[in-house]
Amino acid sequence: MVIAFLVLTAGSLLAVRAAHGAPEREILLGGQALRRWTEQEVARVTRALAWASLCCVLGVILVVGALVVAWVTTEHSDTHPVVVRTGTGVVCGELIVADQQHVEISSEKSGKVSLPWTAVVSVKPGESCT
């Protein structure tokens, strides 16, 4: 991502240079000197725009590549266990539903458990149900 940011920044600076010219460049108003400067400037602008385009395309490719790498290498958890504490004990399992009336948990030990909110003391995310 850092390299993509640097490449995109370089492309932007090259595009700005092409649009606004070189800073503090003296332009002579003589006919031949002005013509020579104009021809050189056209060549510089053309090169700067070509490099700017290349940097922008490469930067976008690098961003997409970084996103793909992050997507592929990130572990996917099939379950998101929760730990529900009640006045009588603890139930750990996958949260199915939590609405205004009750909390429903799918537990490996107890199966499907439905607890009214009046019986629930706390609901917290858990790492695993061991």
N, C-alpha and C. Protein backbone atom coordinates (compact mmCIF):
# COMPACT_ATOMS: atom_id res chain seq x y z
N MET A 1 0.83 -1.18 0.00
CA MET A 1 0.00 0.00 0.00
C MET A 1 0.87 1.25 0.00
N VAL A 2 1.99 1.21 0.73
CA VAL A 2 2.88 2.37 0.77
C VAL A 2 3.48 2.62 -0.61
N ILE A 3 3.91 1.57 -1.27
CA ILE A 3 4.47 1.73 -2.61
C ILE A 3 3.41 2.26 -3.57
N ALA A 4 2.18 1.75 -3.46
CA ALA A 4 1.09 2.24 -4.30
C ALA A 4 0.85 3.72 -4.05
N PHE A 5 0.87 4.12 -2.78
CA PHE A 5 0.68 5.53 -2.45
C PHE A 5 1.79 6.39 -3.06
N LEU A 6 3.03 5.94 -2.95
CA LEU A 6 4.14 6.70 -3.51
C LEU A 6 4.07 6.80 -5.03
N VAL A 7 3.69 5.70 -5.68
CA VAL A 7 3.57 5.72 -7.14
C VAL A 7 2.43 6.64 -7.57
N LEU A 8 1.30 6.60 -6.87
CA LEU A 8 0.19 7.49 -7.20
C LEU A 8 0.55 8.94 -6.95
N THR A 9 1.30 9.21 -5.89
CA THR A 9 1.75 10.58 -5.62
C THR A 9 2.70 11.07 -6.71
N ALA A 10 3.62 10.21 -7.13
CA ALA A 10 4.54 10.58 -8.21
C ALA A 10 3.77 10.87 -9.50
N GLY A 11 2.78 10.05 -9.80
CA GLY A 11 1.96 10.29 -10.99
C GLY A 11 1.22 11.61 -10.92
N SER A 12 0.71 11.93 -9.74
CA SER A 12 0.01 13.21 -9.57
C SER A 12 0.96 14.38 -9.74
N LEU A 13 2.15 14.28 -9.16
CA LEU A 13 3.12 15.37 -9.30
C LEU A 13 3.59 15.54 -10.74
N LEU A 14 3.76 14.44 -11.46
CA LEU A 14 4.12 14.53 -12.87
C LEU A 14 3.01 15.18 -13.69
N ALA A 15 1.76 14.86 -13.37
CA ALA A 15 0.64 15.48 -14.08
C ALA A 15 0.57 16.98 -13.79
N VAL A 16 0.82 17.36 -12.55
CA VAL A 16 0.83 18.79 -12.20
C VAL A 16 1.97 19.49 -12.91
N ARG A 17 3.12 18.86 -12.97
CA ARG A 17 4.27 19.45 -13.68
C ARG A 17 3.94 19.65 -15.15
N ALA A 18 3.28 18.66 -15.75
CA ALA A 18 2.92 18.77 -17.16
C ALA A 18 1.90 19.89 -17.38
N ALA A 19 1.00 20.07 -16.45
CA ALA A 19 -0.05 21.08 -16.62
C ALA A 19 0.46 22.50 -16.38
N HIS A 20 1.43 22.65 -15.47
CA HIS A 20 1.83 24.00 -15.07
C HIS A 20 3.25 24.37 -15.47
N GLY A 21 4.00 23.47 -16.02
CA GLY A 21 5.37 23.79 -16.43
C GLY A 21 6.34 23.70 -15.29
N ALA A 22 7.61 23.89 -15.63
CA ALA A 22 8.66 23.84 -14.62
C ALA A 22 8.63 25.14 -13.81
N PRO A 23 8.77 25.06 -12.49
CA PRO A 23 8.76 26.28 -11.69
C PRO A 23 10.02 27.12 -11.93
N GLU A 24 9.84 28.43 -11.88
CA GLU A 24 10.92 29.41 -12.03
C GLU A 24 11.70 29.25 -13.33
N ARG A 25 11.05 28.88 -14.36
CA ARG A 25 11.70 28.74 -15.67
C ARG A 25 11.57 30.07 -16.40
N GLU A 26 12.67 30.63 -16.85
CA GLU A 26 12.65 31.91 -17.55
C GLU A 26 12.33 31.67 -19.02
N ILE A 27 11.35 32.36 -19.53
CA ILE A 27 10.97 32.24 -20.93
C ILE A 27 11.47 33.49 -21.66
N LEU A 28 12.32 33.28 -22.60
CA LEU A 28 12.83 34.40 -23.38
C LEU A 28 11.83 34.75 -24.46
N LEU A 29 11.65 36.04 -24.68
CA LEU A 29 10.64 36.47 -25.64
C LEU A 29 11.18 36.61 -27.06
N GLY A 30 12.43 36.25 -27.29
CA GLY A 30 12.97 36.29 -28.66
C GLY A 30 12.35 35.18 -29.48
N GLY A 31 12.18 35.38 -30.75
CA GLY A 31 11.49 34.43 -31.63
C GLY A 31 12.08 33.05 -31.64
N GLN A 32 13.38 32.92 -31.97
CA GLN A 32 14.01 31.60 -32.06
C GLN A 32 14.12 30.94 -30.69
N ALA A 33 14.46 31.72 -29.68
CA ALA A 33 14.59 31.17 -28.33
C ALA A 33 13.24 30.67 -27.82
N LEU A 34 12.18 31.44 -28.10
CA LEU A 34 10.83 31.04 -27.68
C LEU A 34 10.40 29.76 -28.40
N ARG A 35 10.72 29.66 -29.70
CA ARG A 35 10.37 28.46 -30.47
C ARG A 35 11.11 27.24 -29.91
N ARG A 36 12.43 27.39 -29.63
CA ARG A 36 13.22 26.30 -29.09
C ARG A 36 12.68 25.88 -27.72
N TRP A 37 12.37 26.85 -26.87
CA TRP A 37 11.83 26.55 -25.54
C TRP A 37 10.50 25.82 -25.66
N THR A 38 9.65 26.28 -26.59
CA THR A 38 8.33 25.66 -26.78
C THR A 38 8.48 24.20 -27.23
N GLU A 39 9.39 23.95 -28.15
CA GLU A 39 9.61 22.58 -28.61
C GLU A 39 10.12 21.69 -27.47
N GLN A 40 11.04 22.22 -26.68
CA GLN A 40 11.56 21.46 -25.54
C GLN A 40 10.47 21.22 -24.50
N GLU A 41 9.66 22.25 -24.28
CA GLU A 41 8.60 22.12 -23.28
C GLU A 41 7.56 21.09 -23.72
N VAL A 42 7.24 21.08 -25.01
CA VAL A 42 6.29 20.09 -25.53
C VAL A 42 6.84 18.68 -25.31
N ALA A 43 8.11 18.48 -25.53
CA ALA A 43 8.72 17.16 -25.33
C ALA A 43 8.69 16.80 -23.84
N ARG A 44 9.01 17.76 -22.96
CA ARG A 44 8.98 17.49 -21.53
C ARG A 44 7.57 17.17 -21.04
N VAL A 45 6.59 17.93 -21.52
CA VAL A 45 5.20 17.71 -21.11
C VAL A 45 4.72 16.35 -21.59
N THR A 46 5.05 15.99 -22.79
CA THR A 46 4.65 14.69 -23.34
C THR A 46 5.24 13.55 -22.50
N ARG A 47 6.53 13.67 -22.16
CA ARG A 47 7.16 12.65 -21.32
C ARG A 47 6.52 12.60 -19.94
N ALA A 48 6.29 13.78 -19.36
CA ALA A 48 5.70 13.83 -18.01
C ALA A 48 4.31 13.20 -18.01
N LEU A 49 3.51 13.47 -19.03
CA LEU A 49 2.17 12.89 -19.10
C LEU A 49 2.22 11.38 -19.29
N ALA A 50 3.16 10.91 -20.09
CA ALA A 50 3.29 9.46 -20.28
C ALA A 50 3.67 8.79 -18.96
N TRP A 51 4.63 9.37 -18.24
CA TRP A 51 5.03 8.80 -16.95
C TRP A 51 3.90 8.92 -15.93
N ALA A 52 3.17 10.03 -15.94
CA ALA A 52 2.05 10.20 -15.01
C ALA A 52 0.99 9.14 -15.25
N SER A 53 0.67 8.89 -16.51
CA SER A 53 -0.31 7.85 -16.84
C SER A 53 0.16 6.48 -16.37
N LEU A 54 1.42 6.18 -16.63
CA LEU A 54 1.97 4.89 -16.22
C LEU A 54 1.93 4.75 -14.70
N CYS A 55 2.33 5.82 -13.98
CA CYS A 55 2.33 5.77 -12.51
C CYS A 55 0.92 5.58 -11.97
N CYS A 56 -0.05 6.26 -12.54
CA CYS A 56 -1.43 6.14 -12.05
C CYS A 56 -1.98 4.74 -12.28
N VAL A 57 -1.75 4.18 -13.45
CA VAL A 57 -2.22 2.83 -13.74
C VAL A 57 -1.50 1.82 -12.84
N LEU A 58 -0.19 1.97 -12.69
CA LEU A 58 0.58 1.07 -11.83
C LEU A 58 0.14 1.19 -10.37
N GLY A 59 -0.15 2.42 -9.92
CA GLY A 59 -0.61 2.63 -8.55
C GLY A 59 -1.94 1.94 -8.29
N VAL A 60 -2.85 2.04 -9.23
CA VAL A 60 -4.16 1.38 -9.07
C VAL A 60 -3.97 -0.14 -9.06
N ILE A 61 -3.11 -0.65 -9.92
CA ILE A 61 -2.84 -2.09 -9.94
C ILE A 61 -2.25 -2.54 -8.61
N LEU A 62 -1.34 -1.74 -8.05
CA LEU A 62 -0.74 -2.09 -6.76
C LEU A 62 -1.78 -2.06 -5.63
N VAL A 63 -2.70 -1.10 -5.66
CA VAL A 63 -3.75 -1.05 -4.64
C VAL A 63 -4.64 -2.29 -4.74
N VAL A 64 -5.04 -2.63 -5.95
CA VAL A 64 -5.87 -3.83 -6.14
C VAL A 64 -5.11 -5.08 -5.70
N GLY A 65 -3.83 -5.15 -6.04
CA GLY A 65 -3.01 -6.29 -5.61
C GLY A 65 -2.93 -6.39 -4.10
N ALA A 66 -2.75 -5.25 -3.43
CA ALA A 66 -2.68 -5.26 -1.97
C ALA A 66 -4.02 -5.71 -1.37
N LEU A 67 -5.11 -5.28 -1.95
CA LEU A 67 -6.42 -5.71 -1.46
C LEU A 67 -6.63 -7.21 -1.67
N VAL A 68 -6.20 -7.72 -2.80
CA VAL A 68 -6.33 -9.16 -3.07
C VAL A 68 -5.49 -9.95 -2.07
N VAL A 69 -4.26 -9.51 -1.83
CA VAL A 69 -3.39 -10.21 -0.87
C VAL A 69 -4.03 -10.18 0.53
N ALA A 70 -4.56 -9.03 0.92
CA ALA A 70 -5.21 -8.95 2.24
C ALA A 70 -6.43 -9.85 2.30
N TRP A 71 -7.19 -9.91 1.24
CA TRP A 71 -8.40 -10.74 1.20
C TRP A 71 -8.04 -12.22 1.30
N VAL A 72 -7.01 -12.63 0.55
CA VAL A 72 -6.65 -14.05 0.48
C VAL A 72 -5.98 -14.51 1.77
N THR A 73 -5.17 -13.68 2.39
CA THR A 73 -4.40 -14.11 3.55
C THR A 73 -5.13 -13.92 4.88
N THR A 74 -6.28 -13.25 4.86
CA THR A 74 -7.02 -13.06 6.11
C THR A 74 -7.80 -14.32 6.42
N GLU A 75 -7.66 -14.79 7.65
CA GLU A 75 -8.36 -16.00 8.06
C GLU A 75 -9.85 -15.70 8.21
N HIS A 76 -10.65 -16.65 7.78
CA HIS A 76 -12.10 -16.51 7.88
C HIS A 76 -12.60 -17.40 9.00
N SER A 77 -13.31 -16.83 9.92
CA SER A 77 -13.89 -17.60 11.01
C SER A 77 -15.32 -17.96 10.64
N ASP A 78 -15.61 -19.24 10.68
CA ASP A 78 -16.96 -19.68 10.34
C ASP A 78 -17.98 -19.31 11.41
N THR A 79 -17.55 -19.30 12.65
CA THR A 79 -18.47 -18.98 13.73
C THR A 79 -17.95 -17.80 14.53
N HIS A 80 -18.88 -17.10 15.12
CA HIS A 80 -18.57 -15.98 16.00
C HIS A 80 -19.23 -16.29 17.35
N PRO A 81 -18.52 -17.01 18.21
CA PRO A 81 -19.15 -17.43 19.46
C PRO A 81 -19.41 -16.26 20.41
N VAL A 82 -20.45 -16.41 21.18
CA VAL A 82 -20.77 -15.46 22.24
C VAL A 82 -20.91 -16.23 23.54
N VAL A 83 -20.60 -15.54 24.63
CA VAL A 83 -20.75 -16.13 25.96
C VAL A 83 -21.89 -15.40 26.64
N VAL A 84 -22.95 -16.14 26.96
CA VAL A 84 -24.13 -15.57 27.61
C VAL A 84 -24.15 -16.04 29.06
N ARG A 85 -24.09 -15.09 29.97
CA ARG A 85 -24.17 -15.42 31.40
C ARG A 85 -25.60 -15.19 31.87
N THR A 86 -26.10 -16.17 32.57
CA THR A 86 -27.44 -16.07 33.15
C THR A 86 -27.30 -16.20 34.67
N GLY A 87 -28.42 -16.07 35.34
CA GLY A 87 -28.40 -16.24 36.79
C GLY A 87 -28.08 -17.65 37.22
N THR A 88 -28.26 -18.63 36.32
CA THR A 88 -28.06 -20.03 36.68
C THR A 88 -26.81 -20.65 36.05
N GLY A 89 -26.15 -19.96 35.09
CA GLY A 89 -24.97 -20.55 34.46
C GLY A 89 -24.49 -19.75 33.26
N VAL A 90 -23.68 -20.43 32.45
CA VAL A 90 -23.08 -19.80 31.27
C VAL A 90 -23.39 -20.66 30.06
N VAL A 91 -23.79 -20.02 28.96
CA VAL A 91 -24.03 -20.71 27.70
C VAL A 91 -23.10 -20.08 26.67
N CYS A 92 -22.38 -20.94 25.95
CA CYS A 92 -21.47 -20.46 24.91
C CYS A 92 -21.85 -21.11 23.59
N GLY A 93 -21.91 -20.31 22.54
CA GLY A 93 -22.25 -20.84 21.22
C GLY A 93 -22.36 -19.74 20.20
N GLU A 94 -22.87 -20.09 19.03
CA GLU A 94 -23.02 -19.14 17.95
C GLU A 94 -24.34 -18.38 18.11
N LEU A 95 -24.27 -17.07 18.01
CA LEU A 95 -25.46 -16.23 18.14
C LEU A 95 -26.33 -16.40 16.90
N ILE A 96 -27.58 -16.80 17.12
CA ILE A 96 -28.52 -16.95 16.02
C ILE A 96 -29.35 -15.69 15.87
N VAL A 97 -29.95 -15.26 16.98
CA VAL A 97 -30.78 -14.05 16.94
C VAL A 97 -30.78 -13.41 18.32
N ALA A 98 -30.87 -12.09 18.31
CA ALA A 98 -31.04 -11.34 19.56
C ALA A 98 -32.04 -10.23 19.25
N ASP A 99 -33.26 -10.40 19.73
CA ASP A 99 -34.27 -9.37 19.51
C ASP A 99 -34.74 -8.83 20.85
N GLN A 100 -35.86 -8.14 20.87
CA GLN A 100 -36.33 -7.50 22.10
C GLN A 100 -36.83 -8.50 23.14
N GLN A 101 -37.22 -9.70 22.71
CA GLN A 101 -37.78 -10.67 23.65
C GLN A 101 -36.75 -11.67 24.19
N HIS A 102 -35.82 -12.13 23.30
CA HIS A 102 -34.95 -13.21 23.73
C HIS A 102 -33.63 -13.22 22.96
N VAL A 103 -32.72 -14.08 23.44
CA VAL A 103 -31.45 -14.35 22.78
C VAL A 103 -31.44 -15.82 22.43
N GLU A 104 -31.10 -16.13 21.18
CA GLU A 104 -31.07 -17.51 20.74
C GLU A 104 -29.63 -17.89 20.40
N ILE A 105 -29.16 -18.99 20.99
CA ILE A 105 -27.79 -19.46 20.83
C ILE A 105 -27.81 -20.89 20.33
N SER A 106 -26.90 -21.20 19.39
CA SER A 106 -26.71 -22.57 18.95
C SER A 106 -25.44 -23.09 19.61
N SER A 107 -25.62 -23.97 20.58
CA SER A 107 -24.51 -24.49 21.37
C SER A 107 -24.25 -25.94 21.00
N GLU A 108 -22.96 -26.31 20.96
CA GLU A 108 -22.61 -27.71 20.65
C GLU A 108 -23.07 -28.65 21.76
N LYS A 109 -22.98 -28.18 23.00
CA LYS A 109 -23.35 -29.01 24.14
C LYS A 109 -24.85 -29.09 24.34
N SER A 110 -25.53 -27.94 24.27
CA SER A 110 -26.95 -27.87 24.61
C SER A 110 -27.87 -27.81 23.40
N GLY A 111 -27.33 -27.69 22.22
CA GLY A 111 -28.16 -27.54 21.03
C GLY A 111 -28.65 -26.10 20.92
N LYS A 112 -29.84 -25.93 20.43
CA LYS A 112 -30.42 -24.59 20.27
C LYS A 112 -31.04 -24.15 21.59
N VAL A 113 -30.56 -22.99 22.10
CA VAL A 113 -31.02 -22.50 23.40
C VAL A 113 -31.64 -21.12 23.19
N SER A 114 -32.84 -20.93 23.73
CA SER A 114 -33.52 -19.64 23.68
C SER A 114 -33.67 -19.12 25.10
N LEU A 115 -33.08 -17.94 25.35
CA LEU A 115 -33.10 -17.37 26.70
C LEU A 115 -33.83 -16.03 26.69
N PRO A 116 -34.79 -15.84 27.59
CA PRO A 116 -35.44 -14.53 27.67
C PRO A 116 -34.46 -13.50 28.24
N TRP A 117 -34.60 -12.24 27.84
CA TRP A 117 -33.69 -11.20 28.33
C TRP A 117 -33.74 -11.05 29.85
N THR A 118 -34.85 -11.39 30.45
CA THR A 118 -34.95 -11.27 31.91
C THR A 118 -34.00 -12.22 32.61
N ALA A 119 -33.62 -13.33 31.96
CA ALA A 119 -32.70 -14.30 32.56
C ALA A 119 -31.24 -14.01 32.23
N VAL A 120 -30.99 -13.12 31.26
CA VAL A 120 -29.62 -12.85 30.80
C VAL A 120 -28.97 -11.78 31.66
N VAL A 121 -27.76 -12.08 32.14
CA VAL A 121 -26.98 -11.12 32.92
C VAL A 121 -26.04 -10.35 32.00
N SER A 122 -25.35 -11.07 31.07
CA SER A 122 -24.45 -10.40 30.15
C SER A 122 -24.30 -11.24 28.89
N VAL A 123 -23.98 -10.56 27.78
CA VAL A 123 -23.67 -11.20 26.50
C VAL A 123 -22.36 -10.58 26.00
N LYS A 124 -21.34 -11.43 25.84
CA LYS A 124 -20.04 -10.93 25.40
C LYS A 124 -19.50 -11.83 24.29
N PRO A 125 -18.73 -11.24 23.35
CA PRO A 125 -18.09 -12.08 22.32
C PRO A 125 -17.04 -12.96 22.96
N GLY A 126 -16.91 -14.16 22.45
CA GLY A 126 -15.92 -15.10 22.98
C GLY A 126 -14.98 -15.54 21.87
N GLU A 127 -13.79 -15.99 22.25
CA GLU A 127 -12.82 -16.49 21.29
C GLU A 127 -13.23 -17.87 20.77
N SER A 128 -13.57 -18.76 21.71
CA SER A 128 -14.01 -20.10 21.36
C SER A 128 -14.80 -20.68 22.53
N CYS A 129 -15.54 -21.70 22.24
CA CYS A 129 -16.35 -22.35 23.28
C CYS A 129 -15.68 -23.65 23.67
N THR A 130 -14.67 -23.57 24.52
CA THR A 130 -14.00 -24.79 24.98
C THR A 130 -14.22 -25.02 26.44
